[in-house]
């Protein structure tokens, strides 16, 4: 368990917001981490340059967050995943704000 995982694990009930920048280790942590109702204060999540397969694996877990009001996702996209990603986003029960940016390798923005 690395330091980031320890911080998340031992401070679940105190974290209000988390901003994550994609690296190989962060993608691995996000994919393996259990987001559940014990993150009872978490209101905002920001994922920068996260891989679309990681987005697909983490979004269903976010439905268990009782106070998730704001979600920002910046990803490289695969066209076949976009409809599924939108459906998963709209399943988040408390969400009030969403910023979803999907970029192609030629930098066309689909916001």
N, C-alpha and C. Protein backbone atom coordinates (compact mmCIF):
# COMPACT_ATOMS: atom_id res chain seq x y z
N UNK A 1 0.85 -1.18 0.00
CA UNK A 1 0.00 0.00 0.00
C UNK A 1 0.90 1.24 0.00
N UNK A 2 0.68 2.12 -0.97
CA UNK A 2 1.51 3.32 -1.02
C UNK A 2 0.93 4.43 -0.14
N UNK A 3 1.64 5.55 -0.06
CA UNK A 3 1.23 6.65 0.82
C UNK A 3 -0.14 7.22 0.45
N UNK A 4 -0.40 7.35 -0.85
CA UNK A 4 -1.68 7.89 -1.28
C UNK A 4 -2.82 6.99 -0.82
N UNK A 5 -2.67 5.70 -0.99
CA UNK A 5 -3.70 4.76 -0.56
C UNK A 5 -3.91 4.82 0.95
N UNK A 6 -2.83 4.98 1.69
CA UNK A 6 -2.93 5.10 3.15
C UNK A 6 -3.71 6.35 3.55
N UNK A 7 -3.40 7.45 2.89
CA UNK A 7 -4.12 8.70 3.19
C UNK A 7 -5.61 8.52 2.94
N UNK A 8 -5.95 7.95 1.79
CA UNK A 8 -7.36 7.72 1.48
C UNK A 8 -8.02 6.79 2.49
N UNK A 9 -7.35 5.72 2.79
CA UNK A 9 -7.92 4.70 3.67
C UNK A 9 -8.17 5.23 5.08
N UNK A 10 -7.20 5.95 5.63
CA UNK A 10 -7.30 6.37 7.02
C UNK A 10 -8.01 7.71 7.23
N UNK A 11 -8.34 8.38 6.14
CA UNK A 11 -9.02 9.68 6.26
C UNK A 11 -10.31 9.74 5.45
N UNK A 12 -10.89 8.61 5.17
CA UNK A 12 -12.10 8.54 4.34
C UNK A 12 -13.19 9.50 4.79
N UNK A 13 -13.40 9.56 6.07
CA UNK A 13 -14.51 10.35 6.60
C UNK A 13 -14.21 11.84 6.71
N UNK A 14 -13.00 12.27 6.28
CA UNK A 14 -12.63 13.67 6.38
C UNK A 14 -12.36 14.33 5.02
N UNK A 15 -12.31 13.55 3.97
CA UNK A 15 -11.95 14.07 2.65
C UNK A 15 -13.17 14.71 2.00
N UNK A 16 -13.04 15.99 1.63
CA UNK A 16 -14.11 16.73 0.96
C UNK A 16 -13.96 16.70 -0.55
N UNK A 17 -12.71 16.73 -1.01
CA UNK A 17 -12.44 16.82 -2.44
C UNK A 17 -11.15 16.10 -2.76
N UNK A 18 -11.08 15.53 -3.94
CA UNK A 18 -9.86 14.85 -4.36
C UNK A 18 -9.63 15.14 -5.84
N UNK A 19 -8.43 15.61 -6.15
CA UNK A 19 -8.02 15.89 -7.53
C UNK A 19 -6.93 14.90 -7.89
N UNK A 20 -7.15 14.14 -8.94
CA UNK A 20 -6.21 13.10 -9.33
C UNK A 20 -5.71 13.33 -10.75
N UNK A 21 -4.39 13.33 -10.91
CA UNK A 21 -3.78 13.43 -12.22
C UNK A 21 -3.32 12.05 -12.61
N UNK A 22 -3.56 11.71 -13.83
CA UNK A 22 -3.29 10.36 -14.29
C UNK A 22 -1.80 10.07 -14.40
N UNK A 23 -1.45 9.00 -13.78
CA UNK A 23 -0.16 8.35 -13.97
C UNK A 23 -0.47 6.87 -13.96
N UNK A 24 0.48 6.08 -14.30
CA UNK A 24 0.22 4.64 -14.29
C UNK A 24 -0.19 4.17 -12.90
N UNK A 25 0.48 4.67 -11.87
CA UNK A 25 0.15 4.23 -10.51
C UNK A 25 -1.21 4.75 -10.06
N UNK A 26 -1.57 5.99 -10.42
CA UNK A 26 -2.88 6.53 -10.03
C UNK A 26 -3.99 5.74 -10.72
N UNK A 27 -3.82 5.42 -12.00
CA UNK A 27 -4.83 4.62 -12.70
C UNK A 27 -5.02 3.28 -12.00
N UNK A 28 -3.93 2.69 -11.57
CA UNK A 28 -4.00 1.41 -10.85
C UNK A 28 -4.70 1.58 -9.50
N UNK A 29 -4.38 2.64 -8.78
CA UNK A 29 -5.00 2.90 -7.47
C UNK A 29 -6.49 3.14 -7.64
N UNK A 30 -6.86 3.98 -8.59
CA UNK A 30 -8.27 4.30 -8.81
C UNK A 30 -9.05 3.04 -9.16
N UNK A 31 -8.49 2.23 -10.03
CA UNK A 31 -9.18 1.01 -10.46
C UNK A 31 -9.38 0.03 -9.31
N UNK A 32 -8.43 -0.02 -8.41
CA UNK A 32 -8.50 -1.01 -7.33
C UNK A 32 -9.18 -0.49 -6.07
N UNK A 33 -9.35 0.83 -5.96
CA UNK A 33 -9.86 1.40 -4.72
C UNK A 33 -11.36 1.22 -4.60
N UNK A 34 -11.82 1.01 -3.40
CA UNK A 34 -13.25 0.82 -3.13
C UNK A 34 -13.84 2.15 -2.65
N UNK A 35 -14.61 2.78 -3.52
CA UNK A 35 -15.34 3.98 -3.13
C UNK A 35 -16.67 3.50 -2.56
N UNK A 36 -16.92 3.83 -1.30
CA UNK A 36 -18.17 3.39 -0.67
C UNK A 36 -18.70 4.49 0.24
N UNK A 37 -19.76 4.19 0.96
CA UNK A 37 -20.41 5.20 1.78
C UNK A 37 -19.56 5.68 2.95
N UNK A 38 -18.43 5.02 3.22
CA UNK A 38 -17.55 5.51 4.28
C UNK A 38 -16.87 6.83 3.89
N UNK A 39 -16.88 7.17 2.60
CA UNK A 39 -16.43 8.49 2.17
C UNK A 39 -17.60 9.46 2.32
N UNK A 40 -18.06 9.61 3.53
CA UNK A 40 -19.31 10.33 3.77
C UNK A 40 -19.21 11.85 3.63
N UNK A 41 -18.03 12.40 3.47
CA UNK A 41 -17.88 13.85 3.27
C UNK A 41 -17.44 14.21 1.85
N UNK A 42 -17.10 13.23 1.06
CA UNK A 42 -16.57 13.49 -0.27
C UNK A 42 -17.64 14.09 -1.18
N UNK A 43 -17.41 15.34 -1.59
CA UNK A 43 -18.37 16.07 -2.41
C UNK A 43 -17.88 16.34 -3.82
N UNK A 44 -16.57 16.27 -4.03
CA UNK A 44 -16.03 16.64 -5.33
C UNK A 44 -14.88 15.72 -5.72
N UNK A 45 -14.93 15.24 -6.95
CA UNK A 45 -13.84 14.44 -7.51
C UNK A 45 -13.44 15.04 -8.85
N UNK A 46 -12.13 15.11 -9.07
CA UNK A 46 -11.60 15.60 -10.33
C UNK A 46 -10.59 14.58 -10.83
N UNK A 47 -10.79 14.10 -12.04
CA UNK A 47 -9.87 13.17 -12.68
C UNK A 47 -9.32 13.83 -13.94
N UNK A 48 -8.00 14.08 -13.96
CA UNK A 48 -7.36 14.67 -15.12
C UNK A 48 -6.62 13.61 -15.92
N UNK A 49 -6.80 13.62 -17.20
CA UNK A 49 -6.18 12.70 -18.17
C UNK A 49 -6.27 11.24 -17.73
N UNK A 50 -7.43 10.86 -17.30
CA UNK A 50 -7.67 9.49 -16.88
C UNK A 50 -8.03 8.65 -18.12
N UNK A 51 -7.60 7.42 -18.13
CA UNK A 51 -7.89 6.53 -19.26
C UNK A 51 -9.37 6.15 -19.25
N UNK A 52 -9.94 5.99 -20.44
CA UNK A 52 -11.38 5.72 -20.53
C UNK A 52 -11.76 4.39 -19.88
N UNK A 53 -10.89 3.39 -19.92
CA UNK A 53 -11.22 2.12 -19.26
C UNK A 53 -11.24 2.27 -17.75
N UNK A 54 -10.42 3.17 -17.22
CA UNK A 54 -10.44 3.44 -15.78
C UNK A 54 -11.72 4.19 -15.43
N UNK A 55 -12.13 5.13 -16.27
CA UNK A 55 -13.40 5.83 -16.07
C UNK A 55 -14.54 4.82 -16.00
N UNK A 56 -14.55 3.89 -16.94
CA UNK A 56 -15.61 2.88 -16.99
C UNK A 56 -15.62 2.01 -15.73
N UNK A 57 -14.46 1.74 -15.16
CA UNK A 57 -14.42 0.89 -13.96
C UNK A 57 -14.76 1.65 -12.69
N UNK A 58 -14.47 2.96 -12.64
CA UNK A 58 -14.69 3.71 -11.40
C UNK A 58 -16.09 4.32 -11.30
N UNK A 59 -16.71 4.69 -12.40
CA UNK A 59 -18.02 5.36 -12.34
C UNK A 59 -19.09 4.55 -11.61
N UNK A 60 -19.22 3.25 -11.82
CA UNK A 60 -20.23 2.51 -11.06
C UNK A 60 -19.98 2.54 -9.55
N UNK A 61 -18.72 2.62 -9.15
CA UNK A 61 -18.38 2.67 -7.72
C UNK A 61 -18.81 3.99 -7.09
N UNK A 62 -18.87 5.04 -7.89
CA UNK A 62 -19.20 6.37 -7.36
C UNK A 62 -20.65 6.51 -6.94
N UNK A 63 -21.51 5.60 -7.37
CA UNK A 63 -22.92 5.66 -6.97
C UNK A 63 -23.09 5.46 -5.47
N UNK A 64 -22.09 4.89 -4.81
CA UNK A 64 -22.16 4.64 -3.37
C UNK A 64 -21.73 5.84 -2.53
N UNK A 65 -21.25 6.88 -3.17
CA UNK A 65 -20.81 8.07 -2.43
C UNK A 65 -22.03 8.92 -2.09
N UNK A 66 -22.34 9.07 -0.81
CA UNK A 66 -23.59 9.72 -0.41
C UNK A 66 -23.67 11.22 -0.67
N UNK A 67 -22.51 11.88 -0.87
CA UNK A 67 -22.52 13.35 -1.02
C UNK A 67 -21.77 13.83 -2.26
N UNK A 68 -21.56 12.97 -3.22
CA UNK A 68 -20.82 13.39 -4.42
C UNK A 68 -21.68 14.34 -5.25
N UNK A 69 -21.34 15.62 -5.18
CA UNK A 69 -22.10 16.66 -5.86
C UNK A 69 -21.46 17.14 -7.15
N UNK A 70 -20.14 17.02 -7.24
CA UNK A 70 -19.41 17.57 -8.37
C UNK A 70 -18.41 16.54 -8.90
N UNK A 71 -18.39 16.40 -10.22
CA UNK A 71 -17.49 15.45 -10.86
C UNK A 71 -16.90 16.09 -12.11
N UNK A 72 -15.59 16.07 -12.21
CA UNK A 72 -14.89 16.56 -13.39
C UNK A 72 -14.03 15.43 -13.93
N UNK A 73 -14.20 15.15 -15.21
CA UNK A 73 -13.43 14.08 -15.85
C UNK A 73 -12.83 14.62 -17.13
N UNK A 74 -11.53 14.44 -17.28
CA UNK A 74 -10.81 14.80 -18.50
C UNK A 74 -10.18 13.50 -18.99
N UNK A 75 -10.58 13.02 -20.15
CA UNK A 75 -10.12 11.72 -20.61
C UNK A 75 -9.79 11.72 -22.10
N UNK A 76 -8.99 10.75 -22.49
CA UNK A 76 -8.84 10.41 -23.90
C UNK A 76 -9.92 9.39 -24.15
N UNK A 77 -10.66 9.52 -25.22
CA UNK A 77 -11.82 8.66 -25.36
C UNK A 77 -11.72 7.66 -26.49
N UNK A 78 -12.52 6.65 -26.33
CA UNK A 78 -12.78 5.65 -27.34
C UNK A 78 -14.26 5.83 -27.67
N UNK A 79 -14.59 6.07 -28.92
CA UNK A 79 -15.98 6.39 -29.29
C UNK A 79 -17.00 5.39 -28.77
N UNK A 80 -16.66 4.13 -28.73
CA UNK A 80 -17.63 3.13 -28.29
C UNK A 80 -17.94 3.26 -26.80
N UNK A 81 -17.05 3.88 -26.03
CA UNK A 81 -17.26 4.02 -24.59
C UNK A 81 -18.08 5.24 -24.21
N UNK A 82 -18.20 6.23 -25.08
CA UNK A 82 -18.84 7.50 -24.70
C UNK A 82 -20.28 7.32 -24.23
N UNK A 83 -21.08 6.57 -24.95
CA UNK A 83 -22.49 6.38 -24.56
C UNK A 83 -22.57 5.70 -23.21
N UNK A 84 -21.72 4.71 -22.98
CA UNK A 84 -21.71 4.01 -21.69
C UNK A 84 -21.27 4.94 -20.56
N UNK A 85 -20.29 5.78 -20.83
CA UNK A 85 -19.80 6.72 -19.82
C UNK A 85 -20.91 7.71 -19.46
N UNK A 86 -21.60 8.26 -20.46
CA UNK A 86 -22.70 9.18 -20.17
C UNK A 86 -23.79 8.51 -19.34
N UNK A 87 -24.13 7.29 -19.67
CA UNK A 87 -25.16 6.57 -18.92
C UNK A 87 -24.73 6.39 -17.46
N UNK A 88 -23.47 6.04 -17.24
CA UNK A 88 -22.98 5.86 -15.87
C UNK A 88 -22.96 7.18 -15.10
N UNK A 89 -22.62 8.27 -15.78
CA UNK A 89 -22.62 9.58 -15.13
C UNK A 89 -24.03 9.94 -14.67
N UNK A 90 -25.02 9.72 -15.53
CA UNK A 90 -26.39 10.09 -15.19
C UNK A 90 -27.01 9.18 -14.14
N UNK A 91 -26.35 8.10 -13.80
CA UNK A 91 -26.80 7.22 -12.71
C UNK A 91 -26.32 7.68 -11.34
N UNK A 92 -25.49 8.71 -11.29
CA UNK A 92 -24.98 9.19 -10.01
C UNK A 92 -26.09 10.00 -9.33
N UNK A 93 -26.59 9.54 -8.19
CA UNK A 93 -27.83 10.07 -7.62
C UNK A 93 -27.78 11.51 -7.10
N UNK A 94 -26.67 11.97 -6.56
CA UNK A 94 -26.61 13.29 -5.94
C UNK A 94 -25.91 14.34 -6.79
N UNK A 95 -25.43 13.95 -7.95
CA UNK A 95 -24.60 14.83 -8.77
C UNK A 95 -25.35 16.09 -9.20
N UNK A 96 -24.75 17.25 -8.92
CA UNK A 96 -25.31 18.55 -9.30
C UNK A 96 -24.50 19.20 -10.42
N UNK A 97 -23.22 18.85 -10.53
CA UNK A 97 -22.33 19.47 -11.51
C UNK A 97 -21.48 18.39 -12.16
N UNK A 98 -21.40 18.44 -13.48
CA UNK A 98 -20.52 17.54 -14.21
C UNK A 98 -19.78 18.33 -15.28
N UNK A 99 -18.48 18.10 -15.35
CA UNK A 99 -17.69 18.60 -16.48
C UNK A 99 -16.98 17.39 -17.04
N UNK A 100 -17.35 17.02 -18.24
CA UNK A 100 -16.78 15.84 -18.88
C UNK A 100 -16.13 16.29 -20.18
N UNK A 101 -14.83 16.12 -20.27
CA UNK A 101 -14.10 16.48 -21.47
C UNK A 101 -13.44 15.22 -22.01
N UNK A 102 -13.75 14.90 -23.25
CA UNK A 102 -13.15 13.74 -23.91
C UNK A 102 -12.39 14.25 -25.12
N UNK A 103 -11.11 13.98 -25.14
CA UNK A 103 -10.27 14.48 -26.22
C UNK A 103 -9.80 13.33 -27.10
N UNK A 104 -9.80 13.58 -28.40
CA UNK A 104 -9.21 12.65 -29.34
C UNK A 104 -7.74 12.99 -29.47
N UNK A 105 -7.00 12.12 -30.06
CA UNK A 105 -5.57 12.38 -30.22
C UNK A 105 -5.31 13.60 -31.09
N UNK A 106 -6.26 14.00 -31.95
CA UNK A 106 -6.06 15.20 -32.76
C UNK A 106 -6.67 16.44 -32.11
N UNK A 107 -6.96 16.34 -30.80
CA UNK A 107 -7.35 17.48 -29.96
C UNK A 107 -8.72 18.10 -30.27
N UNK A 108 -9.66 17.35 -30.78
CA UNK A 108 -11.02 17.85 -30.89
C UNK A 108 -11.69 17.66 -29.55
N UNK A 109 -12.31 18.68 -29.05
CA UNK A 109 -12.93 18.66 -27.73
C UNK A 109 -14.40 18.28 -27.84
N UNK A 110 -14.82 17.28 -27.06
CA UNK A 110 -16.23 16.89 -26.99
C UNK A 110 -16.68 17.11 -25.56
N UNK A 111 -17.17 18.29 -25.26
CA UNK A 111 -17.58 18.61 -23.90
C UNK A 111 -19.08 18.64 -23.79
